[in-house]
C-alpha cells in the first residue's frame, strides 16, 4: 500500500470518527437542552401507566365486592350492609336487584323509585310493571307511546284487555291493530281480536 493510499484511509477513518463525535455532541446538546421536557414526558407516561393499573385494580375490587354483596342479598334480602355495599360499588347492578325485588313483591314504591335508573332497561321495565300492578290504564297507555318501549306490545295487549273489560271494543281493536306481524305477540293479538273483541 502506498503512502498516498495510507493517508486516504487515515483521512477516511478520521472523518468517520469526526462525524461520530459530531453526532455524539449534537445528541448531548439536544439531551441537555430538552432534558427537563423529556423527563417530564417520561414521568407523565409512567404516571399514566401506573394510574391505569391502579384504576383497573380499583375497578376489579369494586366488581368483586359488588358480586359478593349481591350473593349475600340473594341469600338474605334484608342484609342492609350488603345492600349499601352493592349500592355504593355498583349502582346499576343495585338497580337491577331492586327491580327484581319490586316485581317479586308487587311493590309499586320500589318500582316508582327506579323510573330514573341509568341501568339499561330498568326504568322502562319499572314503568311497565308499576302501571300493571296499579291497574293504571292511563300510565299503561302512556308507556305504549314511549320510544323503544321494551314491553310495548305486551302493554298494548294489557290495555286492550282493560278496554274489553270496560266494554270498549273499538278502543281494544285499535290497540290490538298496533301490534305488528313480526311481533311474538301477534298471534295472541289476533286471537284476542277474533275471540275477545266483538
C-alpha atoms as a PDB file:
ATOM      1  CA  UNK A   1       0.000   0.000   0.000  1.00  0.00           C
ATOM      2  CA  UNK A   2       1.375   3.416  -0.937  1.00  0.00           C
ATOM      3  CA  UNK A   3       1.765   6.375   1.346  1.00  0.00           C
ATOM      4  CA  UNK A   4      -0.983   8.166  -0.537  1.00  0.00           C
ATOM      5  CA  UNK A   5      -3.411   5.295  -0.016  1.00  0.00           C
ATOM      6  CA  UNK A   6      -2.488   5.134   3.673  1.00  0.00           C
ATOM      7  CA  UNK A   7      -3.138   8.849   4.005  1.00  0.00           C
ATOM      8  CA  UNK A   8      -6.557   8.491   2.286  1.00  0.00           C
ATOM      9  CA  UNK A   9      -7.502   5.609   4.558  1.00  0.00           C
ATOM     10  CA  UNK A  10      -6.388   7.580   7.620  1.00  0.00           C
ATOM     11  CA  UNK A  11      -8.357  10.612   6.421  1.00  0.00           C
ATOM     12  CA  UNK A  12     -11.481   8.493   5.964  1.00  0.00           C
ATOM     13  CA  UNK A  13     -11.064   6.967   9.403  1.00  0.00           C
ATOM     14  CA  UNK A  14     -10.546  10.392  10.978  1.00  0.00           C
ATOM     15  CA  UNK A  15     -13.504  11.763   9.031  1.00  0.00           C
ATOM     16  CA  UNK A  16     -15.866   8.995  10.220  1.00  0.00           C
ATOM     17  CA  UNK A  17     -14.602   9.395  13.815  1.00  0.00           C
ATOM     18  CA  UNK A  18     -15.144  13.155  13.496  1.00  0.00           C
ATOM     19  CA  UNK A  19     -18.691  12.561  12.247  1.00  0.00           C
ATOM     20  CA  UNK A  20     -19.326  10.167  15.103  1.00  0.00           C
ATOM     21  CA  UNK A  21     -18.084  12.686  17.689  1.00  0.00           C
ATOM     22  CA  UNK A  22     -20.040  15.469  15.992  1.00  0.00           C
ATOM     23  CA  UNK A  23     -23.176  13.349  16.129  1.00  0.00           C
ATOM     24  CA  UNK A  24     -22.498  12.484  19.782  1.00  0.00           C
ATOM     25  CA  UNK A  25     -22.023  16.191  20.626  1.00  0.00           C
ATOM     26  CA  UNK A  26     -25.268  17.099  18.841  1.00  0.00           C
ATOM     27  CA  UNK A  27     -27.124  14.351  20.724  1.00  0.00           C
ATOM     28  CA  UNK A  28     -25.610  15.506  24.016  1.00  0.00           C
ATOM     29  CA  UNK A  29     -26.617  19.125  23.316  1.00  0.00           C
ATOM     30  CA  UNK A  30     -30.129  18.025  22.342  1.00  0.00           C
ATOM     31  CA  UNK A  31     -30.475  15.958  25.523  1.00  0.00           C
ATOM     32  CA  UNK A  32     -29.122  18.793  27.695  1.00  0.00           C
ATOM     33  CA  UNK A  33     -31.372  21.330  26.013  1.00  0.00           C
ATOM     34  CA  UNK A  34     -34.539  19.216  26.217  1.00  0.00           C
ATOM     35  CA  UNK A  35     -33.686  17.149  29.294  1.00  0.00           C
ATOM     36  CA  UNK A  36     -36.444  18.569  31.504  1.00  0.00           C
ATOM     37  CA  UNK A  37     -39.235  18.254  28.915  1.00  0.00           C
ATOM     38  CA  UNK A  38     -38.052  14.727  28.045  1.00  0.00           C
ATOM     39  CA  UNK A  39     -38.003  13.743  31.703  1.00  0.00           C
ATOM     40  CA  UNK A  40     -41.467  15.250  32.134  1.00  0.00           C
ATOM     41  CA  UNK A  41     -42.812  13.208  29.205  1.00  0.00           C
ATOM     42  CA  UNK A  42     -41.272  10.010  30.604  1.00  0.00           C
ATOM     43  CA  UNK A  43     -42.611  10.765  34.088  1.00  0.00           C
ATOM     44  CA  UNK A  44     -46.080  11.549  32.693  1.00  0.00           C
ATOM     45  CA  UNK A  45     -46.066   8.285  30.719  1.00  0.00           C
ATOM     46  CA  UNK A  46     -45.076   6.315  33.803  1.00  0.00           C
ATOM     47  CA  UNK A  47     -47.774   8.050  35.850  1.00  0.00           C
ATOM     48  CA  UNK A  48     -50.375   7.293  33.171  1.00  0.00           C
ATOM     49  CA  UNK A  49     -49.418   3.609  33.120  1.00  0.00           C
ATOM     50  CA  UNK A  50     -49.398   3.431  36.941  1.00  0.00           C
ATOM     51  CA  UNK A  51     -52.774   5.241  37.032  1.00  0.00           C
ATOM     52  CA  UNK A  52     -54.285   2.818  34.517  1.00  0.00           C
ATOM     53  CA  UNK A  53     -53.016  -0.176  36.506  1.00  0.00           C
ATOM     54  CA  UNK A  54     -54.313   1.350  39.749  1.00  0.00           C
ATOM     55  CA  UNK A  55     -57.707   2.138  38.223  1.00  0.00           C
ATOM     56  CA  UNK A  56     -58.015  -1.405  36.860  1.00  0.00           C
ATOM     57  CA  UNK A  57     -57.197  -2.836  40.281  1.00  0.00           C
ATOM     58  CA  UNK A  58     -59.740  -0.468  41.890  1.00  0.00           C
ATOM     59  CA  UNK A  59     -62.400  -1.473  39.338  1.00  0.00           C
ATOM     60  CA  UNK A  60     -61.725  -5.174  39.870  1.00  0.00           C
ATOM     61  CA  UNK A  61     -62.013  -4.724  43.638  1.00  0.00           C
ATOM     62  CA  UNK A  62     -65.359  -2.923  43.209  1.00  0.00           C
ATOM     63  CA  UNK A  63     -66.650  -5.708  40.948  1.00  0.00           C
ATOM     64  CA  UNK A  64     -65.645  -8.397  43.404  1.00  0.00           C
ATOM     65  CA  UNK A  65     -67.206  -6.610  46.378  1.00  0.00           C
ATOM     66  CA  UNK A  66     -70.442  -5.885  44.478  1.00  0.00           C
ATOM     67  CA  UNK A  67     -70.726  -9.525  43.346  1.00  0.00           C
ATOM     68  CA  UNK A  68     -70.187 -10.691  46.913  1.00  0.00           C
ATOM     69  CA  UNK A  69     -72.805  -8.213  48.148  1.00  0.00           C
ATOM     70  CA  UNK A  70     -75.306  -9.381  45.508  1.00  0.00           C
ATOM     71  CA  UNK A  71     -74.819 -13.014  46.504  1.00  0.00           C
ATOM     72  CA  UNK A  72     -75.396 -12.072  50.156  1.00  0.00           C
ATOM     73  CA  UNK A  73     -78.576 -10.197  49.218  1.00  0.00           C
ATOM     74  CA  UNK A  74     -79.889 -13.107  47.164  1.00  0.00           C
ATOM     75  CA  UNK A  75     -79.464 -15.308  50.227  1.00  0.00           C
ATOM     76  CA  UNK A  76     -80.773 -12.672  52.659  1.00  0.00           C
ATOM     77  CA  UNK A  77     -82.593  -9.668  51.128  1.00  0.00           C
ATOM     78  CA  UNK A  78     -82.701  -7.887  54.495  1.00  0.00           C
ATOM     79  CA  UNK A  79     -78.879  -7.648  54.766  1.00  0.00           C
ATOM     80  CA  UNK A  80     -78.605  -3.842  54.937  1.00  0.00           C
ATOM     81  CA  UNK A  81     -74.796  -3.841  54.962  1.00  0.00           C
ATOM     82  CA  UNK A  82     -74.652  -5.877  51.743  1.00  0.00           C
ATOM     83  CA  UNK A  83     -77.335  -3.642  50.215  1.00  0.00           C
ATOM     84  CA  UNK A  84     -75.328  -0.499  50.989  1.00  0.00           C
ATOM     85  CA  UNK A  85     -72.139  -2.070  49.582  1.00  0.00           C
ATOM     86  CA  UNK A  86     -73.920  -3.024  46.361  1.00  0.00           C
ATOM     87  CA  UNK A  87     -75.461   0.444  46.070  1.00  0.00           C
ATOM     88  CA  UNK A  88     -72.060   2.155  46.522  1.00  0.00           C
ATOM     89  CA  UNK A  89     -69.921  -0.192  44.450  1.00  0.00           C
ATOM     90  CA  UNK A  90     -72.247  -0.924  41.529  1.00  0.00           C
ATOM     91  CA  UNK A  91     -75.336   1.330  41.310  1.00  0.00           C
ATOM     92  CA  UNK A  92     -76.591  -0.247  38.071  1.00  0.00           C
ATOM     93  CA  UNK A  93     -76.448  -3.768  39.466  1.00  0.00           C
ATOM     94  CA  UNK A  94     -78.127  -2.435  42.605  1.00  0.00           C
ATOM     95  CA  UNK A  95     -80.984  -1.052  40.480  1.00  0.00           C
ATOM     96  CA  UNK A  96     -81.402  -4.439  38.774  1.00  0.00           C
ATOM     97  CA  UNK A  97     -81.609  -6.124  42.163  1.00  0.00           C
ATOM     98  CA  UNK A  98     -84.166  -3.539  43.346  1.00  0.00           C
ATOM     99  CA  UNK A  99     -86.195  -4.105  40.171  1.00  0.00           C
ATOM    100  CA  UNK A 100     -86.356  -7.841  40.831  1.00  0.00           C
ATOM    101  CA  UNK A 101     -87.427  -7.134  44.432  1.00  0.00           C
ATOM    102  CA  UNK A 102     -90.100  -4.659  43.312  1.00  0.00           C
ATOM    103  CA  UNK A 103     -91.553  -7.101  40.787  1.00  0.00           C
ATOM    104  CA  UNK A 104     -91.455 -10.138  43.084  1.00  0.00           C
ATOM    105  CA  UNK A 105     -93.149  -8.199  45.903  1.00  0.00           C
ATOM    106  CA  UNK A 106     -95.525  -6.170  43.686  1.00  0.00           C
ATOM    107  CA  UNK A 107     -94.014  -3.121  45.389  1.00  0.00           C
ATOM    108  CA  UNK A 108     -95.038  -0.014  43.463  1.00  0.00           C
ATOM    109  CA  UNK A 109     -92.918   2.228  45.716  1.00  0.00           C
ATOM    110  CA  UNK A 110     -89.723   0.412  44.735  1.00  0.00           C
ATOM    111  CA  UNK A 111     -90.698   0.424  41.054  1.00  0.00           C
ATOM    112  CA  UNK A 112     -91.584   4.130  41.076  1.00  0.00           C
ATOM    113  CA  UNK A 113     -88.173   4.829  42.617  1.00  0.00           C
ATOM    114  CA  UNK A 114     -86.460   3.190  39.634  1.00  0.00           C
ATOM    115  CA  UNK A 115     -88.079   5.281  36.895  1.00  0.00           C
ATOM    116  CA  UNK A 116     -84.891   7.367  36.505  1.00  0.00           C
ATOM    117  CA  UNK A 117     -82.433   4.476  36.695  1.00  0.00           C
ATOM    118  CA  UNK A 118     -79.399   4.598  34.401  1.00  0.00           C
ATOM    119  CA  UNK A 119     -79.158   0.789  34.188  1.00  0.00           C
ATOM    120  CA  UNK A 120     -80.249  -0.493  30.784  1.00  0.00           C
ATOM    121  CA  UNK A 121     -83.939  -1.398  30.691  1.00  0.00           C
ATOM    122  CA  UNK A 122     -84.582  -0.861  34.409  1.00  0.00           C
ATOM    123  CA  UNK A 123     -86.530   2.407  34.120  1.00  0.00           C
ATOM    124  CA  UNK A 124     -88.506   1.017  31.174  1.00  0.00           C
ATOM    125  CA  UNK A 125     -89.490  -2.238  32.920  1.00  0.00           C
ATOM    126  CA  UNK A 126     -90.200  -0.429  36.195  1.00  0.00           C
ATOM    127  CA  UNK A 127     -92.629   1.910  34.397  1.00  0.00           C
ATOM    128  CA  UNK A 128     -94.451  -1.002  32.783  1.00  0.00           C
ATOM    129  CA  UNK A 129     -94.626  -3.141  35.924  1.00  0.00           C
ATOM    130  CA  UNK A 130     -95.755  -0.212  38.060  1.00  0.00           C
ATOM    131  CA  UNK A 131     -98.608   0.602  35.658  1.00  0.00           C
ATOM    132  CA  UNK A 132     -99.716  -3.060  35.570  1.00  0.00           C
ATOM    133  CA  UNK A 133     -99.600  -3.537  39.351  1.00  0.00           C
ATOM    134  CA  UNK A 134    -101.564  -0.309  39.947  1.00  0.00           C
ATOM    135  CA  UNK A 135    -104.000  -1.164  37.162  1.00  0.00           C
ATOM    136  CA  UNK A 136    -103.356   2.354  35.828  1.00  0.00           C
ATOM    137  CA  UNK A 137    -104.785   2.317  32.295  1.00  0.00           C
ATOM    138  CA  UNK A 138    -103.546   5.858  31.585  1.00  0.00           C
ATOM    139  CA  UNK A 139     -99.962   5.044  32.668  1.00  0.00           C
ATOM    140  CA  UNK A 140    -100.076   1.852  30.588  1.00  0.00           C
ATOM    141  CA  UNK A 141    -101.234   3.780  27.527  1.00  0.00           C
ATOM    142  CA  UNK A 142     -98.505   6.392  28.072  1.00  0.00           C
ATOM    143  CA  UNK A 143     -95.987   3.550  28.273  1.00  0.00           C
ATOM    144  CA  UNK A 144     -97.084   2.218  24.864  1.00  0.00           C
ATOM    145  CA  UNK A 145     -96.238   5.617  23.361  1.00  0.00           C
ATOM    146  CA  UNK A 146     -92.669   5.674  24.679  1.00  0.00           C
ATOM    147  CA  UNK A 147     -89.970   5.429  22.012  1.00  0.00           C
ATOM    148  CA  UNK A 148     -88.384   1.955  22.130  1.00  0.00           C
ATOM    149  CA  UNK A 149     -90.531   0.646  24.995  1.00  0.00           C
ATOM    150  CA  UNK A 150     -89.382  -2.931  25.672  1.00  0.00           C
ATOM    151  CA  UNK A 151     -92.831  -4.275  26.561  1.00  0.00           C
ATOM    152  CA  UNK A 152     -94.844  -2.119  24.167  1.00  0.00           C
ATOM    153  CA  UNK A 153     -96.792  -4.981  22.567  1.00  0.00           C
ATOM    154  CA  UNK A 154     -97.490  -6.600  25.919  1.00  0.00           C
ATOM    155  CA  UNK A 155     -98.699  -3.249  27.250  1.00  0.00           C
ATOM    156  CA  UNK A 156    -100.955  -2.880  24.209  1.00  0.00           C
ATOM    157  CA  UNK A 157    -102.483  -6.300  24.963  1.00  0.00           C
ATOM    158  CA  UNK A 158    -102.924  -5.378  28.650  1.00  0.00           C
ATOM    159  CA  UNK A 159    -104.599  -2.116  27.660  1.00  0.00           C
ATOM    160  CA  UNK A 160    -106.820  -3.898  25.113  1.00  0.00           C
ATOM    161  CA  UNK A 161    -107.961  -6.391  27.772  1.00  0.00           C
ATOM    162  CA  UNK A 162    -108.723  -3.439  30.051  1.00  0.00           C
ATOM    163  CA  UNK A 163    -110.811  -1.861  27.278  1.00  0.00           C
ATOM    164  CA  UNK A 164    -112.681  -5.152  26.719  1.00  0.00           C
ATOM    165  CA  UNK A 165    -113.461  -5.344  30.429  1.00  0.00           C
ATOM    166  CA  UNK A 166    -114.871  -1.809  30.245  1.00  0.00           C
ATOM    167  CA  UNK A 167    -116.943  -2.760  27.179  1.00  0.00           C
ATOM    168  CA  UNK A 168    -114.992  -0.507  24.812  1.00  0.00           C
ATOM    169  CA  UNK A 169    -114.327  -2.926  21.924  1.00  0.00           C
ATOM    170  CA  UNK A 170    -113.474  -0.121  19.491  1.00  0.00           C
ATOM    171  CA  UNK A 171    -110.560   1.098  21.643  1.00  0.00           C
ATOM    172  CA  UNK A 172    -109.477  -2.534  22.196  1.00  0.00           C
ATOM    173  CA  UNK A 173    -109.424  -3.169  18.424  1.00  0.00           C
ATOM    174  CA  UNK A 174    -107.363  -0.038  17.843  1.00  0.00           C
ATOM    175  CA  UNK A 175    -104.751  -1.162  20.354  1.00  0.00           C
ATOM    176  CA  UNK A 176    -104.574  -4.734  19.037  1.00  0.00           C
ATOM    177  CA  UNK A 177    -104.152  -3.403  15.485  1.00  0.00           C
ATOM    178  CA  UNK A 178    -100.934  -1.620  16.561  1.00  0.00           C
ATOM    179  CA  UNK A 179     -99.170  -4.944  17.191  1.00  0.00           C
ATOM    180  CA  UNK A 180     -97.003  -5.701  14.151  1.00  0.00           C
ATOM    181  CA  UNK A 181     -96.995  -9.037  12.305  1.00  0.00           C
ATOM    182  CA  UNK A 182     -93.342  -9.664  13.231  1.00  0.00           C
ATOM    183  CA  UNK A 183     -94.134  -9.353  16.951  1.00  0.00           C
ATOM    184  CA  UNK A 184     -94.014 -12.545  19.043  1.00  0.00           C
ATOM    185  CA  UNK A 185     -97.409 -11.460  20.419  1.00  0.00           C
ATOM    186  CA  UNK A 186     -99.057 -11.047  17.013  1.00  0.00           C
ATOM    187  CA  UNK A 187    -100.876 -14.417  17.165  1.00  0.00           C
ATOM    188  CA  UNK A 188    -102.123 -13.666  20.684  1.00  0.00           C
ATOM    189  CA  UNK A 189    -103.320 -10.262  19.459  1.00  0.00           C
ATOM    190  CA  UNK A 190    -105.128 -11.900  16.537  1.00  0.00           C
ATOM    191  CA  UNK A 191    -106.804 -14.404  18.851  1.00  0.00           C
ATOM    192  CA  UNK A 192    -107.865 -11.625  21.199  1.00  0.00           C
ATOM    193  CA  UNK A 193    -109.174  -9.641  18.260  1.00  0.00           C
ATOM    194  CA  UNK A 194    -111.084 -12.639  16.900  1.00  0.00           C
ATOM    195  CA  UNK A 195    -112.482 -14.096  20.118  1.00  0.00           C
ATOM    196  CA  UNK A 196    -112.373 -11.313  22.665  1.00  0.00           C
ATOM    197  CA  UNK A 197    -113.194  -8.147  20.748  1.00  0.00           C
ATOM    198  CA  UNK A 198    -116.626  -8.070  19.164  1.00  0.00           C
END
